PDB file of N, CA and C in Angstrom:
ATOM      1  N   MET A   1      -5.074 -91.263 -58.553  1.00  0.00           N
ATOM      2  CA  MET A   1      -5.231 -90.401 -57.534  1.00  0.00           C
ATOM      3  C   MET A   1      -4.242 -90.037 -56.526  1.00  0.00           C
ATOM      4  N   LYS A   2      -4.709 -89.377 -55.621  1.00  0.00           N
ATOM      5  CA  LYS A   2      -3.994 -88.665 -54.510  1.00  0.00           C
ATOM      6  C   LYS A   2      -4.668 -88.285 -53.726  1.00  0.00           C
ATOM      7  N   PHE A   3      -4.389 -88.566 -52.143  1.00  0.00           N
ATOM      8  CA  PHE A   3      -4.739 -88.354 -50.806  1.00  0.00           C
ATOM      9  C   PHE A   3      -3.777 -87.218 -50.280  1.00  0.00           C
ATOM     10  N   ASN A   4      -4.074 -86.379 -49.918  1.00  0.00           N
ATOM     11  CA  ASN A   4      -3.075 -85.048 -49.315  1.00  0.00           C
ATOM     12  C   ASN A   4      -1.699 -85.720 -49.608  1.00  0.00           C
ATOM     13  N   GLU A   5      -1.347 -85.465 -50.826  1.00  0.00           N
ATOM     14  CA  GLU A   5       0.122 -85.907 -51.414  1.00  0.00           C
ATOM     15  C   GLU A   5       0.119 -87.492 -50.819  1.00  0.00           C
ATOM     16  N   LEU A   6      -0.530 -88.726 -50.581  1.00  0.00           N
ATOM     17  CA  LEU A   6      -0.532 -90.194 -50.652  1.00  0.00           C
ATOM     18  C   LEU A   6      -0.412 -90.524 -51.754  1.00  0.00           C
ATOM     19  N   SER A   7       0.382 -91.319 -52.334  1.00  0.00           N
ATOM     20  CA  SER A   7      -0.241 -91.893 -53.479  1.00  0.00           C
ATOM     21  C   SER A   7      -0.642 -92.993 -53.077  1.00  0.00           C
ATOM     22  N   ASN A   8      -1.263 -93.879 -54.231  1.00  0.00           N
ATOM     23  CA  ASN A   8      -2.796 -95.065 -54.045  1.00  0.00           C
ATOM     24  C   ASN A   8      -1.736 -96.173 -53.261  1.00  0.00           C
ATOM     25  N   GLU A   9      -0.145 -96.078 -53.631  1.00  0.00           N
ATOM     26  CA  GLU A   9       0.636 -97.380 -53.224  1.00  0.00           C
ATOM     27  C   GLU A   9       0.602 -96.944 -51.746  1.00  0.00           C
ATOM     28  N   GLU A  10       0.866 -95.849 -51.482  1.00  0.00           N
ATOM     29  CA  GLU A  10       1.347 -94.899 -49.572  1.00  0.00           C
ATOM     30  C   GLU A  10       0.029 -95.464 -49.120  1.00  0.00           C
ATOM     31  N   LEU A  11      -1.585 -95.348 -49.941  1.00  0.00           N
ATOM     32  CA  LEU A  11      -2.609 -95.594 -48.730  1.00  0.00           C
ATOM     33  C   LEU A  11      -2.715 -97.023 -48.726  1.00  0.00           C
ATOM     34  N   ILE A  12      -2.443 -97.829 -49.985  1.00  0.00           N
ATOM     35  CA  ILE A  12      -2.730 -99.437 -49.333  1.00  0.00           C
ATOM     36  C   ILE A  12      -1.499 -99.993 -48.651  1.00  0.00           C
ATOM     37  N   PHE A  13      -0.515 -99.372 -48.781  1.00  0.00           N
ATOM     38  CA  PHE A  13       0.423 -99.912 -47.958  1.00  0.00           C
ATOM     39  C   PHE A  13       0.189 -99.396 -46.327  1.00  0.00           C
ATOM     40  N   LEU A  14      -0.424 -98.327 -46.208  1.00  0.00           N
ATOM     41  CA  LEU A  14      -1.494 -97.763 -44.776  1.00  0.00           C
ATOM     42  C   LEU A  14      -2.182 -98.575 -44.353  1.00  0.00           C
ATOM     43  N   TYR A  15      -3.371 -98.701 -45.430  1.00  0.00           N
ATOM     44  CA  TYR A  15      -4.724-100.105 -44.984  1.00  0.00           C
ATOM     45  C   TYR A  15      -4.133-101.059 -44.227  1.00  0.00           C
ATOM     46  N   LEU A  16      -3.261-101.730 -45.468  1.00  0.00           N
ATOM     47  CA  LEU A  16      -2.898-102.803 -44.961  1.00  0.00           C
ATOM     48  C   LEU A  16      -1.820-103.187 -43.670  1.00  0.00           C
ATOM     49  N   LEU A  17      -1.450-102.106 -43.332  1.00  0.00           N
ATOM     50  CA  LEU A  17      -0.633-102.709 -41.789  1.00  0.00           C
ATOM     51  C   LEU A  17      -1.614-102.178 -41.325  1.00  0.00           C
ATOM     52  N   ILE A  18      -2.363-101.286 -41.208  1.00  0.00           N
ATOM     53  CA  ILE A  18      -3.432-100.856 -40.238  1.00  0.00           C
ATOM     54  C   ILE A  18      -4.140-102.074 -39.819  1.00  0.00           C
ATOM     55  N   GLU A  19      -4.848-102.482 -41.248  1.00  0.00           N
ATOM     56  CA  GLU A  19      -5.921-103.844 -41.213  1.00  0.00           C
ATOM     57  C   GLU A  19      -5.113-105.048 -40.461  1.00  0.00           C
ATOM     58  N   ASP A  20      -3.791-105.573 -40.725  1.00  0.00           N
ATOM     59  CA  ASP A  20      -2.557-106.689 -39.910  1.00  0.00           C
ATOM     60  C   ASP A  20      -2.931-106.077 -38.252  1.00  0.00           C
ATOM     61  N   ILE A  21      -3.014-105.030 -38.066  1.00  0.00           N
ATOM     62  CA  ILE A  21      -2.846-104.813 -36.980  1.00  0.00           C
ATOM     63  C   ILE A  21      -4.292-104.884 -36.523  1.00  0.00           C
ATOM     64  N   HIS A  22      -5.114-104.796 -36.982  1.00  0.00           N
ATOM     65  CA  HIS A  22      -6.605-104.639 -36.382  1.00  0.00           C
ATOM     66  C   HIS A  22      -6.844-106.102 -36.596  1.00  0.00           C
ATOM     67  N   VAL A  23      -6.738-107.271 -37.387  1.00  0.00           N
ATOM     68  CA  VAL A  23      -7.054-108.479 -37.108  1.00  0.00           C
ATOM     69  C   VAL A  23      -5.867-109.047 -36.098  1.00  0.00           C
ATOM     70  N   GLY A  24      -5.112-108.824 -35.648  1.00  0.00           N
ATOM     71  CA  GLY A  24      -4.199-109.308 -34.670  1.00  0.00           C
ATOM     72  C   GLY A  24      -5.035-108.835 -33.568  1.00  0.00           C
ATOM     73  N   ILE A  25      -5.351-107.435 -33.021  1.00  0.00           N
ATOM     74  CA  ILE A  25      -6.472-107.046 -32.172  1.00  0.00           C
ATOM     75  C   ILE A  25      -7.994-107.681 -32.176  1.00  0.00           C
ATOM     76  N   GLU A  26      -8.387-107.843 -33.077  1.00  0.00           N
ATOM     77  CA  GLU A  26      -9.254-108.510 -32.791  1.00  0.00           C
ATOM     78  C   GLU A  26      -9.326-110.003 -32.489  1.00  0.00           C
ATOM     79  N   GLU A  27      -8.429-110.538 -33.018  1.00  0.00           N
ATOM     80  CA  GLU A  27      -8.432-111.839 -32.411  1.00  0.00           C
ATOM     81  C   GLU A  27      -7.905-112.208 -31.280  1.00  0.00           C
ATOM     82  N   VAL A  28      -6.737-111.079 -30.567  1.00  0.00           N
ATOM     83  CA  VAL A  28      -6.668-111.304 -29.663  1.00  0.00           C
ATOM     84  C   VAL A  28      -7.871-110.932 -28.287  1.00  0.00           C
ATOM     85  N   LEU A  29      -8.904-109.808 -28.959  1.00  0.00           N
ATOM     86  CA  LEU A  29     -10.483-109.927 -28.197  1.00  0.00           C
ATOM     87  C   LEU A  29     -11.485-111.001 -27.767  1.00  0.00           C
ATOM     88  N   LYS A  30     -11.442-111.600 -29.257  1.00  0.00           N
ATOM     89  CA  LYS A  30     -12.291-113.283 -29.261  1.00  0.00           C
ATOM     90  C   LYS A  30     -12.227-113.702 -28.796  1.00  0.00           C
ATOM     91  N   GLU A  31     -10.084-114.165 -28.360  1.00  0.00           N
ATOM     92  CA  GLU A  31     -10.239-115.031 -28.129  1.00  0.00           C
ATOM     93  C   GLU A  31      -9.608-115.211 -27.056  1.00  0.00           C
ATOM     94  N   GLY A  32      -9.625-113.736 -25.960  1.00  0.00           N
ATOM     95  CA  GLY A  32      -9.969-113.827 -25.290  1.00  0.00           C
ATOM     96  C   GLY A  32      -8.338-113.815 -23.722  1.00  0.00           C
ATOM     97  N   GLY A  33      -6.894-113.997 -24.945  1.00  0.00           N
ATOM     98  CA  GLY A  33      -5.933-113.866 -24.944  1.00  0.00           C
ATOM     99  C   GLY A  33      -4.904-113.509 -25.679  1.00  0.00           C
ATOM    100  N   VAL A  34      -3.593-114.006 -25.420  1.00  0.00           N
ATOM    101  CA  VAL A  34      -2.861-114.001 -26.751  1.00  0.00           C
ATOM    102  C   VAL A  34      -1.990-115.518 -26.476  1.00  0.00           C
ATOM    103  N   THR A  35      -1.989-115.620 -28.150  1.00  0.00           N
ATOM    104  CA  THR A  35      -1.139-117.355 -28.642  1.00  0.00           C
ATOM    105  C   THR A  35      -0.005-117.276 -28.841  1.00  0.00           C
ATOM    106  N   HIS A  36       0.703-117.949 -28.881  1.00  0.00           N
ATOM    107  CA  HIS A  36       2.232-117.641 -29.335  1.00  0.00           C
ATOM    108  C   HIS A  36       2.609-119.423 -29.325  1.00  0.00           C
ATOM    109  N   ILE A  37       3.275-119.520 -30.600  1.00  0.00           N
ATOM    110  CA  ILE A  37       3.183-120.625 -31.105  1.00  0.00           C
ATOM    111  C   ILE A  37       5.142-120.563 -31.097  1.00  0.00           C
ATOM    112  N   MET A  38       5.674-121.857 -30.567  1.00  0.00           N
ATOM    113  CA  MET A  38       6.601-121.843 -30.271  1.00  0.00           C
ATOM    114  C   MET A  38       7.971-123.291 -30.295  1.00  0.00           C
ATOM    115  N   ASP A  39       9.186-123.261 -31.368  1.00  0.00           N
ATOM    116  CA  ASP A  39       9.471-124.477 -30.763  1.00  0.00           C
ATOM    117  C   ASP A  39      10.195-124.997 -29.844  1.00  0.00           C
ATOM    118  N   SER A  40       9.696-126.494 -29.280  1.00  0.00           N
ATOM    119  CA  SER A  40      10.367-127.065 -28.588  1.00  0.00           C
ATOM    120  C   SER A  40      10.974-128.449 -28.736  1.00  0.00           C
ATOM    121  N   PRO A  41      11.705-128.772 -27.926  1.00  0.00           N
ATOM    122  CA  PRO A  41      12.174-130.404 -28.219  1.00  0.00           C
ATOM    123  C   PRO A  41      11.295-131.551 -28.395  1.00  0.00           C
ATOM    124  N   PHE A  42       9.567-131.140 -28.314  1.00  0.00           N
ATOM    125  CA  PHE A  42       8.950-131.889 -28.554  1.00  0.00           C
ATOM    126  C   PHE A  42       8.341-131.222 -29.747  1.00  0.00           C
ATOM    127  N   GLY A  43       8.731-130.469 -30.614  1.00  0.00           N
ATOM    128  CA  GLY A  43       7.900-129.726 -31.531  1.00  0.00           C
ATOM    129  C   GLY A  43       7.483-128.430 -31.384  1.00  0.00           C
ATOM    130  N   LYS A  44       6.881-128.147 -32.202  1.00  0.00           N
ATOM    131  CA  LYS A  44       5.980-126.458 -32.200  1.00  0.00           C
ATOM    132  C   LYS A  44       4.728-126.986 -31.227  1.00  0.00           C
ATOM    133  N   ILE A  45       4.543-125.753 -30.402  1.00  0.00           N
ATOM    134  CA  ILE A  45       3.343-126.006 -28.893  1.00  0.00           C
ATOM    135  C   ILE A  45       3.026-124.728 -29.336  1.00  0.00           C
ATOM    136  N   LYS A  46       1.752-124.784 -28.707  1.00  0.00           N
ATOM    137  CA  LYS A  46       1.329-123.649 -28.427  1.00  0.00           C
ATOM    138  C   LYS A  46       0.444-122.995 -27.291  1.00  0.00           C
ATOM    139  N   LEU A  47       1.151-121.846 -27.514  1.00  0.00           N
ATOM    140  CA  LEU A  47       1.099-121.326 -25.777  1.00  0.00           C
ATOM    141  C   LEU A  47      -0.504-120.163 -25.812  1.00  0.00           C
ATOM    142  N   PHE A  48      -1.273-120.093 -24.822  1.00  0.00           N
ATOM    143  CA  PHE A  48      -1.871-119.146 -24.292  1.00  0.00           C
ATOM    144  C   PHE A  48      -2.277-118.915 -23.351  1.00  0.00           C
ATOM    145  N   ALA A  49      -1.985-117.525 -23.465  1.00  0.00           N
ATOM    146  CA  ALA A  49      -2.065-116.700 -21.850  1.00  0.00           C
ATOM    147  C   ALA A  49      -3.644-115.830 -21.655  1.00  0.00           C
ATOM    148  N   PRO A  50      -4.371-116.365 -21.177  1.00  0.00           N
ATOM    149  CA  PRO A  50      -5.605-115.734 -21.364  1.00  0.00           C
ATOM    150  C   PRO A  50      -5.482-114.392 -20.507  1.00  0.00           C
ATOM    151  N   PHE A  51      -6.178-113.287 -20.758  1.00  0.00           N
ATOM    152  CA  PHE A  51      -6.486-111.822 -20.027  1.00  0.00           C
ATOM    153  C   PHE A  51      -7.635-111.910 -19.411  1.00  0.00           C
ATOM    154  N   SER A  52      -7.592-111.565 -17.968  1.00  0.00           N
ATOM    155  CA  SER A  52      -8.878-110.957 -17.156  1.00  0.00           C
ATOM    156  C   SER A  52      -9.974-110.205 -18.298  1.00  0.00           C
ATOM    157  N   ASP A  53     -10.978-109.822 -17.876  1.00  0.00           N
ATOM    158  CA  ASP A  53     -12.276-109.891 -18.072  1.00  0.00           C
ATOM    159  C   ASP A  53     -12.038-108.066 -18.431  1.00  0.00           C
ATOM    160  N   LYS A  54     -11.052-107.066 -17.089  1.00  0.00           N
ATOM    161  CA  LYS A  54     -10.639-105.991 -17.216  1.00  0.00           C
ATOM    162  C   LYS A  54     -10.093-106.161 -18.037  1.00  0.00           C
ATOM    163  N   GLU A  55      -8.419-106.772 -17.908  1.00  0.00           N
ATOM    164  CA  GLU A  55      -7.823-106.549 -19.003  1.00  0.00           C
ATOM    165  C   GLU A  55      -8.161-106.421 -20.697  1.00  0.00           C
ATOM    166  N   LEU A  56      -9.329-107.306 -21.012  1.00  0.00           N
ATOM    167  CA  LEU A  56     -10.104-107.029 -21.698  1.00  0.00           C
ATOM    168  C   LEU A  56     -10.703-105.967 -22.242  1.00  0.00           C
ATOM    169  N   VAL A  57     -11.360-105.341 -21.220  1.00  0.00           N
ATOM    170  CA  VAL A  57     -12.327-104.060 -21.310  1.00  0.00           C
ATOM    171  C   VAL A  57     -11.203-102.750 -22.039  1.00  0.00           C
ATOM    172  N   ASP A  58     -10.135-102.961 -20.928  1.00  0.00           N
ATOM    173  CA  ASP A  58      -9.067-102.052 -21.015  1.00  0.00           C
ATOM    174  C   ASP A  58      -8.655-101.450 -22.733  1.00  0.00           C
ATOM    175  N   LEU A  59      -8.233-103.045 -22.711  1.00  0.00           N
ATOM    176  CA  LEU A  59      -7.450-103.233 -23.791  1.00  0.00           C
ATOM    177  C   LEU A  59      -8.798-102.708 -25.700  1.00  0.00           C
ATOM    178  N   ASN A  60      -9.696-103.205 -25.436  1.00  0.00           N
ATOM    179  CA  ASN A  60     -11.155-102.660 -26.230  1.00  0.00           C
ATOM    180  C   ASN A  60     -10.939-101.593 -26.160  1.00  0.00           C
ATOM    181  N   GLU A  61     -10.742-100.521 -24.959  1.00  0.00           N
ATOM    182  CA  GLU A  61     -10.944 -99.631 -24.838  1.00  0.00           C
ATOM    183  C   GLU A  61      -9.949 -98.765 -25.163  1.00  0.00           C
ATOM    184  N   SER A  62      -9.003 -98.991 -25.446  1.00  0.00           N
ATOM    185  CA  SER A  62      -7.451 -98.402 -25.451  1.00  0.00           C
ATOM    186  C   SER A  62      -7.682 -97.387 -26.451  1.00  0.00           C
ATOM    187  N   SER A  63      -6.504 -96.272 -27.000  1.00  0.00           N
ATOM    188  CA  SER A  63      -6.396 -95.842 -27.891  1.00  0.00           C
ATOM    189  C   SER A  63      -5.945 -96.178 -28.801  1.00  0.00           C
ATOM    190  N   LYS A  64      -5.274 -96.886 -28.628  1.00  0.00           N
ATOM    191  CA  LYS A  64      -4.105 -97.535 -30.007  1.00  0.00           C
ATOM    192  C   LYS A  64      -5.638 -98.753 -30.765  1.00  0.00           C
ATOM    193  N   VAL A  65      -6.277 -98.938 -29.836  1.00  0.00           N
ATOM    194  CA  VAL A  65      -7.757 -99.679 -30.399  1.00  0.00           C
ATOM    195  C   VAL A  65      -8.481 -99.073 -31.707  1.00  0.00           C
ATOM    196  N   LEU A  66      -8.747 -98.039 -30.246  1.00  0.00           N
ATOM    197  CA  LEU A  66      -9.812 -97.034 -31.282  1.00  0.00           C
ATOM    198  C   LEU A  66      -9.087 -96.282 -32.234  1.00  0.00           C
ATOM    199  N   LEU A  67      -7.808 -96.089 -32.023  1.00  0.00           N
ATOM    200  CA  LEU A  67      -7.414 -95.105 -33.619  1.00  0.00           C
ATOM    201  C   LEU A  67      -7.173 -96.443 -34.728  1.00  0.00           C
ATOM    202  N   THR A  68      -6.704 -97.662 -33.866  1.00  0.00           N
ATOM    203  CA  THR A  68      -6.546 -98.534 -35.160  1.00  0.00           C
ATOM    204  C   THR A  68      -7.993 -98.355 -36.263  1.00  0.00           C
ATOM    205  N   ARG A  69      -9.473 -99.013 -35.726  1.00  0.00           N
ATOM    206  CA  ARG A  69     -10.463 -99.078 -36.130  1.00  0.00           C
ATOM    207  C   ARG A  69     -10.896 -97.761 -36.823  1.00  0.00           C
ATOM    208  N   SER A  70     -10.363 -96.553 -36.098  1.00  0.00           N
ATOM    209  CA  SER A  70     -10.866 -95.443 -37.086  1.00  0.00           C
ATOM    210  C   SER A  70     -10.226 -94.897 -37.932  1.00  0.00           C
ATOM    211  N   ILE A  71      -9.209 -95.581 -37.782  1.00  0.00           N
ATOM    212  CA  ILE A  71      -8.078 -95.370 -39.703  1.00  0.00           C
ATOM    213  C   ILE A  71      -8.689 -96.212 -40.376  1.00  0.00           C
ATOM    214  N   ARG A  72      -8.845 -97.421 -39.580  1.00  0.00           N
ATOM    215  CA  ARG A  72      -9.102 -98.524 -40.950  1.00  0.00           C
ATOM    216  C   ARG A  72     -10.509 -98.092 -41.199  1.00  0.00           C
ATOM    217  N   LYS A  73     -11.478 -97.871 -40.810  1.00  0.00           N
ATOM    218  CA  LYS A  73     -12.593 -97.289 -41.174  1.00  0.00           C
ATOM    219  C   LYS A  73     -12.700 -96.376 -42.287  1.00  0.00           C
ATOM    220  N   LYS A  74     -11.922 -95.560 -42.210  1.00  0.00           N
ATOM    221  CA  LYS A  74     -11.751 -94.023 -42.986  1.00  0.00           C
ATOM    222  C   LYS A  74     -11.004 -94.388 -44.119  1.00  0.00           C
ATOM    223  N   LEU A  75      -9.962 -95.641 -43.806  1.00  0.00           N
ATOM    224  CA  LEU A  75      -9.119 -95.847 -45.357  1.00  0.00           C
ATOM    225  C   LEU A  75      -9.947 -96.566 -46.215  1.00  0.00           C
ATOM    226  N   LYS A  76     -10.834 -97.735 -45.587  1.00  0.00           N
ATOM    227  CA  LYS A  76     -10.998 -99.040 -46.615  1.00  0.00           C
ATOM    228  C   LYS A  76     -11.910 -98.505 -47.785  1.00  0.00           C
ATOM    229  N   PRO A  77     -12.759 -97.769 -47.703  1.00  0.00           N
ATOM    230  CA  PRO A  77     -13.794 -97.300 -49.308  1.00  0.00           C
ATOM    231  C   PRO A  77     -12.399 -96.870 -49.927  1.00  0.00           C
ATOM    232  N   ILE A  78     -11.345 -95.920 -49.555  1.00  0.00           N
ATOM    233  CA  ILE A  78     -10.082 -95.613 -50.563  1.00  0.00           C
ATOM    234  C   ILE A  78      -9.327 -96.967 -50.775  1.00  0.00           C
ATOM    235  N   PHE A  79      -9.425 -97.825 -50.134  1.00  0.00           N
ATOM    236  CA  PHE A  79      -8.581 -99.273 -50.369  1.00  0.00           C
ATOM    237  C   PHE A  79      -9.855 -99.903 -51.427  1.00  0.00           C
ATOM    238  N   ASP A  80     -10.706 -99.981 -50.944  1.00  0.00           N
ATOM    239  CA  ASP A  80     -11.901-100.210 -52.223  1.00  0.00           C
ATOM    240  C   ASP A  80     -11.872 -99.752 -53.921  1.00  0.00           C
ATOM    241  N   LEU A  81     -11.823 -99.008 -53.373  1.00  0.00           N
ATOM    242  CA  LEU A  81     -12.018 -98.038 -54.878  1.00  0.00           C
ATOM    243  C   LEU A  81     -10.495 -97.809 -55.798  1.00  0.00           C
ATOM    244  N   ILE A  82      -9.347 -98.405 -54.831  1.00  0.00           N
ATOM    245  CA  ILE A  82      -8.201 -98.774 -55.839  1.00  0.00           C
ATOM    246  C   ILE A  82      -8.340 -99.917 -55.717  1.00  0.00           C
ATOM    247  N   GLY A  83      -9.076-100.461 -55.320  1.00  0.00           N
ATOM    248  CA  GLY A  83      -8.680-102.024 -55.945  1.00  0.00           C
ATOM    249  C   GLY A  83      -9.524-102.596 -56.850  1.00  0.00           C
ATOM    250  N   ASP A  84     -10.673-101.338 -56.852  1.00  0.00           N
ATOM    251  CA  ASP A  84     -11.539-101.753 -58.154  1.00  0.00           C
ATOM    252  C   ASP A  84     -11.050-101.434 -59.707  1.00  0.00           C
ATOM    253  N   VAL A  85     -10.140-100.457 -59.674  1.00  0.00           N
ATOM    254  CA  VAL A  85      -9.394-100.501 -60.241  1.00  0.00           C
ATOM    255  C   VAL A  85      -7.947-100.792 -60.939  1.00  0.00           C
ATOM    256  N   ASN A  86      -6.905-101.173 -59.775  1.00  0.00           N
ATOM    257  CA  ASN A  86      -5.673-101.631 -60.106  1.00  0.00           C
ATOM    258  C   ASN A  86      -5.318-102.639 -58.857  1.00  0.00           C
ATOM    259  N   GLN A  87      -6.116-103.893 -58.941  1.00  0.00           N
ATOM    260  CA  GLN A  87      -6.044-104.657 -57.887  1.00  0.00           C
ATOM    261  C   GLN A  87      -4.322-105.112 -57.641  1.00  0.00           C
ATOM    262  N   ASP A  88      -3.884-105.360 -59.162  1.00  0.00           N
ATOM    263  CA  ASP A  88      -1.869-105.715 -58.868  1.00  0.00           C
ATOM    264  C   ASP A  88      -1.665-104.542 -58.282  1.00  0.00           C
ATOM    265  N   LEU A  89      -2.011-103.630 -58.023  1.00  0.00           N
ATOM    266  CA  LEU A  89      -1.128-102.734 -56.956  1.00  0.00           C
ATOM    267  C   LEU A  89      -1.008-103.633 -55.348  1.00  0.00           C
ATOM    268  N   ILE A  90      -2.220-103.780 -55.050  1.00  0.00           N
ATOM    269  CA  ILE A  90      -2.761-104.136 -53.814  1.00  0.00           C
ATOM    270  C   ILE A  90      -2.035-105.811 -53.382  1.00  0.00           C
ATOM    271  N   ASP A  91      -1.960-107.008 -54.261  1.00  0.00           N
ATOM    272  CA  ASP A  91      -1.200-107.559 -54.400  1.00  0.00           C
ATOM    273  C   ASP A  91      -0.138-107.236 -54.277  1.00  0.00           C
ATOM    274  N   ARG A  92       0.348-106.487 -54.993  1.00  0.00           N
ATOM    275  CA  ARG A  92       1.712-105.602 -55.003  1.00  0.00           C
ATOM    276  C   ARG A  92       2.633-105.470 -53.495  1.00  0.00           C
ATOM    277  N   VAL A  93       1.989-104.372 -52.965  1.00  0.00           N
ATOM    278  CA  VAL A  93       2.276-103.960 -52.245  1.00  0.00           C
ATOM    279  C   VAL A  93       1.766-105.058 -50.838  1.00  0.00           C
ATOM    280  N   ARG A  94       1.127-105.662 -50.842  1.00  0.00           N
ATOM    281  CA  ARG A  94       0.387-106.769 -49.837  1.00  0.00           C
ATOM    282  C   ARG A  94       1.302-107.927 -50.072  1.00  0.00           C
ATOM    283  N   SER A  95       2.301-108.352 -51.101  1.00  0.00           N
ATOM    284  CA  SER A  95       3.149-109.262 -51.000  1.00  0.00           C
ATOM    285  C   SER A  95       4.751-108.495 -50.568  1.00  0.00           C
ATOM    286  N   SER A  96       4.928-107.347 -50.456  1.00  0.00           N
ATOM    287  CA  SER A  96       5.946-107.085 -50.290  1.00  0.00           C
ATOM    288  C   SER A  96       6.244-106.492 -48.325  1.00  0.00           C
ATOM    289  N   LEU A  97       5.005-106.434 -48.325  1.00  0.00           N
ATOM    290  CA  LEU A  97       4.686-106.035 -46.710  1.00  0.00           C
ATOM    291  C   LEU A  97       4.789-107.648 -46.029  1.00  0.00           C
ATOM    292  N   PHE A  98       4.089-108.622 -46.584  1.00  0.00           N
ATOM    293  CA  PHE A  98       4.000-109.873 -46.123  1.00  0.00           C
ATOM    294  C   PHE A  98       4.260-110.952 -46.812  1.00  0.00           C
ATOM    295  N   PRO A  99       5.625-111.249 -47.059  1.00  0.00           N
ATOM    296  CA  PRO A  99       6.297-112.012 -48.361  1.00  0.00           C
ATOM    297  C   PRO A  99       6.125-113.366 -47.801  1.00  0.00           C
ATOM    298  N   LYS A 100       6.035-113.599 -46.677  1.00  0.00           N
ATOM    299  CA  LYS A 100       6.027-115.134 -46.175  1.00  0.00           C
ATOM    300  C   LYS A 100       4.541-115.924 -45.033  1.00  0.00           C
ATOM    301  N   GLU A 101       3.784-114.790 -45.994  1.00  0.00           N
ATOM    302  CA  GLU A 101       2.308-115.097 -45.585  1.00  0.00           C
ATOM    303  C   GLU A 101       1.971-116.228 -45.781  1.00  0.00           C
ATOM    304  N   LYS A 102       2.364-117.000 -46.737  1.00  0.00           N
ATOM    305  CA  LYS A 102       1.414-118.150 -47.447  1.00  0.00           C
ATOM    306  C   LYS A 102       2.339-119.324 -46.582  1.00  0.00           C
ATOM    307  N   GLU A 103       3.670-119.301 -46.544  1.00  0.00           N
ATOM    308  CA  GLU A 103       4.650-119.810 -45.732  1.00  0.00           C
ATOM    309  C   GLU A 103       3.757-120.235 -44.064  1.00  0.00           C
ATOM    310  N   ASP A 104       3.764-118.941 -43.565  1.00  0.00           N
ATOM    311  CA  ASP A 104       3.592-119.100 -42.090  1.00  0.00           C
ATOM    312  C   ASP A 104       2.007-119.726 -42.075  1.00  0.00           C
ATOM    313  N   GLU A 105       1.241-119.670 -43.233  1.00  0.00           N
ATOM    314  CA  GLU A 105       0.065-120.433 -43.109  1.00  0.00           C
ATOM    315  C   GLU A 105      -0.055-121.778 -43.463  1.00  0.00           C
ATOM    316  N   SER A 106       1.075-122.244 -43.655  1.00  0.00           N
ATOM    317  CA  SER A 106       1.222-123.458 -43.633  1.00  0.00           C
ATOM    318  C   SER A 106       1.982-124.509 -42.688  1.00  0.00           C
ATOM    319  N   GLU A 107       2.749-123.897 -42.325  1.00  0.00           N
ATOM    320  CA  GLU A 107       3.734-124.182 -40.891  1.00  0.00           C
ATOM    321  C   GLU A 107       2.293-124.272 -39.612  1.00  0.00           C
ATOM    322  N   GLU A 108       1.119-123.342 -39.980  1.00  0.00           N
ATOM    323  CA  GLU A 108       0.265-123.076 -38.797  1.00  0.00           C
ATOM    324  C   GLU A 108      -0.573-124.589 -38.818  1.00  0.00           C
ATOM    325  N   GLU A 109      -0.732-124.826 -40.111  1.00  0.00           N
ATOM    326  CA  GLU A 109      -1.372-125.874 -40.271  1.00  0.00           C
ATOM    327  C   GLU A 109      -1.089-127.205 -40.070  1.00  0.00           C
ATOM    328  N   ASP A 110       0.502-127.724 -40.072  1.00  0.00           N
ATOM    329  CA  ASP A 110       1.154-128.481 -39.811  1.00  0.00           C
ATOM    330  C   ASP A 110       1.123-129.129 -38.033  1.00  0.00           C
ATOM    331  N   MET A 111       0.493-128.031 -37.432  1.00  0.00           N
ATOM    332  CA  MET A 111       0.469-128.472 -36.058  1.00  0.00           C
ATOM    333  C   MET A 111      -1.139-129.066 -35.179  1.00  0.00           C
TER     334      MET A 111
END
């Protein structure tokens, strides 16, 4: 299947990138700010910088957020269709995009 000359692999790649951005944005909006984990002489510490209500509204209404949501919504049915017939392709693309995902999750659990 091709969509305007994009292969299934390319469509999955785009969807996963947009989904990753979307998850990050929604987490910031839900938490009300940004979190950063850094190494310190005392070990890993979690820093949080809250956003004002106006900053959260501005972020939520920004073109980047609106475009991310729109593209994600349009690509999701295509992603699902491809996944129904070729889950291995999704797994391969996800592994190439986010190879350290499992390592990162175990590091966060240690905190």
